[in-house]
Amino acid sequence: MIPAERASAGENARSLLVAHKERVDEVVEAKVLRVLQSASSSVWSLFNFIFRCQHRRTTFPQTQAKAAASDGETYVVCLDCGKQFAYDWERMRIAEPLDPSSRSRP
């Protein structure tokens, strides 16, 4: 090999090595980020389990009127965390949590 060809081959090898190293760094960074996110969600779940909202302060029961039906869905909203719950007028108790995205808008 001529010295110029050796230099060119060396530069190509170096550029391939740098590109590979950058890709490896990206993959490692992505994996570390996933592990940290998983750990933080686990810590947050544990925190919520221990110190979760007791839903003691709620709005007065609201009934959403429906056009087709005579009775609507009665619900309350926690003033501390904003979570919505069905409300049972007969037992005068908060029932199961509601999914706000599934509720129809008036």
Protein backbone atom coordinates (compact mmCIF):
# COMPACT_ATOMS: atom_id res chain seq x y z
CA MET A 1 0.00 0.00 0.00
CA ILE A 2 1.09 3.50 -0.71
CA PRO A 3 1.25 5.86 2.28
CA ALA A 4 -1.61 7.96 0.85
CA GLU A 5 -3.83 4.86 0.58
CA ARG A 6 -2.95 3.88 4.16
CA ALA A 7 -3.90 7.33 5.39
CA SER A 8 -7.21 7.15 3.47
CA ALA A 9 -7.99 3.68 4.85
CA GLY A 10 -7.13 4.85 8.36
CA GLU A 11 -9.42 7.85 8.05
CA ASN A 12 -12.27 5.63 6.78
CA ALA A 13 -11.77 3.23 9.69
CA ARG A 14 -11.71 6.13 12.16
CA SER A 15 -14.88 7.66 10.72
CA LEU A 16 -16.65 4.28 10.87
CA LEU A 17 -15.51 3.82 14.47
CA VAL A 18 -16.72 7.31 15.43
CA ALA A 19 -20.10 6.72 13.76
CA HIS A 20 -20.44 3.36 15.53
CA LYS A 21 -19.48 4.89 18.88
CA GLU A 22 -22.07 7.66 18.44
CA ARG A 23 -24.75 5.06 17.67
CA VAL A 24 -23.76 2.98 20.71
CA ASP A 25 -23.91 6.12 22.86
CA GLU A 26 -27.43 6.87 21.57
CA VAL A 27 -28.63 3.33 22.31
CA VAL A 28 -27.13 3.34 25.80
CA GLU A 29 -28.60 6.76 26.53
CA ALA A 30 -32.06 5.59 25.39
CA LYS A 31 -31.86 2.49 27.60
CA VAL A 32 -30.72 4.49 30.63
CA LEU A 33 -33.57 6.95 30.05
CA ARG A 34 -36.10 4.07 29.91
CA VAL A 35 -34.75 2.63 33.17
CA LEU A 36 -34.94 6.02 34.89
CA GLN A 37 -38.50 6.61 33.66
CA SER A 38 -39.54 3.17 34.86
CA ALA A 39 -37.94 3.76 38.25
CA SER A 40 -39.55 7.18 38.59
CA SER A 41 -43.00 5.77 37.73
CA SER A 42 -42.49 3.03 40.32
CA VAL A 43 -41.50 5.58 42.95
CA TRP A 44 -44.49 7.73 42.00
CA SER A 45 -46.83 4.71 42.27
CA LEU A 46 -45.47 3.90 45.73
CA PHE A 47 -45.83 7.55 46.79
CA ASN A 48 -49.46 7.59 45.55
CA PHE A 49 -50.20 4.32 47.35
CA ILE A 50 -48.95 5.70 50.67
CA PHE A 51 -50.03 9.35 50.40
CA ARG A 52 -52.84 9.21 47.85
CA CYS A 53 -55.71 11.67 47.87
CA GLN A 54 -58.53 10.67 50.23
CA HIS A 55 -61.12 12.61 48.15
CA ARG A 56 -62.60 14.20 51.28
CA ARG A 57 -63.38 17.57 49.66
CA THR A 58 -65.70 17.22 46.66
CA THR A 59 -68.13 19.33 44.72
CA PHE A 60 -71.86 19.04 45.30
CA PRO A 61 -73.24 16.20 43.13
CA GLN A 62 -73.77 17.36 39.56
CA THR A 63 -76.20 15.76 37.12
CA GLN A 64 -75.44 16.11 33.45
CA ALA A 65 -78.68 16.35 31.52
CA LYS A 66 -78.96 14.15 28.47
CA ALA A 67 -81.18 15.11 25.56
CA ALA A 68 -82.51 11.58 24.88
CA ALA A 69 -82.90 10.37 28.47
CA SER A 70 -84.81 11.84 31.40
CA ASP A 71 -82.12 11.02 33.96
CA GLY A 72 -78.48 11.93 33.51
CA GLU A 73 -75.23 10.78 35.03
CA THR A 74 -74.61 12.13 38.54
CA TYR A 75 -71.01 12.75 39.52
CA VAL A 76 -68.75 14.64 41.93
CA VAL A 77 -65.26 16.04 41.43
CA CYS A 78 -62.52 15.94 44.07
CA LEU A 79 -61.42 19.51 44.80
CA ASP A 80 -57.90 18.38 45.75
CA CYS A 81 -56.93 16.11 42.86
CA GLY A 82 -59.60 16.80 40.20
CA LYS A 83 -60.65 13.17 39.78
CA GLN A 84 -64.30 12.55 38.84
CA PHE A 85 -66.49 9.92 40.54
CA ALA A 86 -69.98 8.62 39.94
CA TYR A 87 -72.35 9.51 42.78
CA ASP A 88 -75.08 7.25 44.16
CA TRP A 89 -78.01 9.41 45.32
CA GLU A 90 -79.78 6.49 47.01
CA ARG A 91 -76.84 5.60 49.27
CA MET A 92 -75.47 9.17 49.22
CA ARG A 93 -71.98 7.85 48.56
CA ILE A 94 -69.21 8.33 46.05
CA ALA A 95 -69.10 5.38 43.65
CA GLU A 96 -66.50 4.26 41.11
CA PRO A 97 -64.10 6.67 39.38
CA LEU A 98 -65.22 7.99 36.00
CA ASP A 99 -63.14 8.23 32.86
CA PRO A 100 -63.56 11.90 31.83
CA SER A 101 -62.59 11.17 28.21
CA SER A 102 -65.53 8.77 27.79
CA ARG A 103 -68.12 11.27 29.06
CA SER A 104 -70.20 13.09 26.47
CA ARG A 105 -70.12 16.87 26.38
CA PRO A 106 -73.42 18.84 26.44
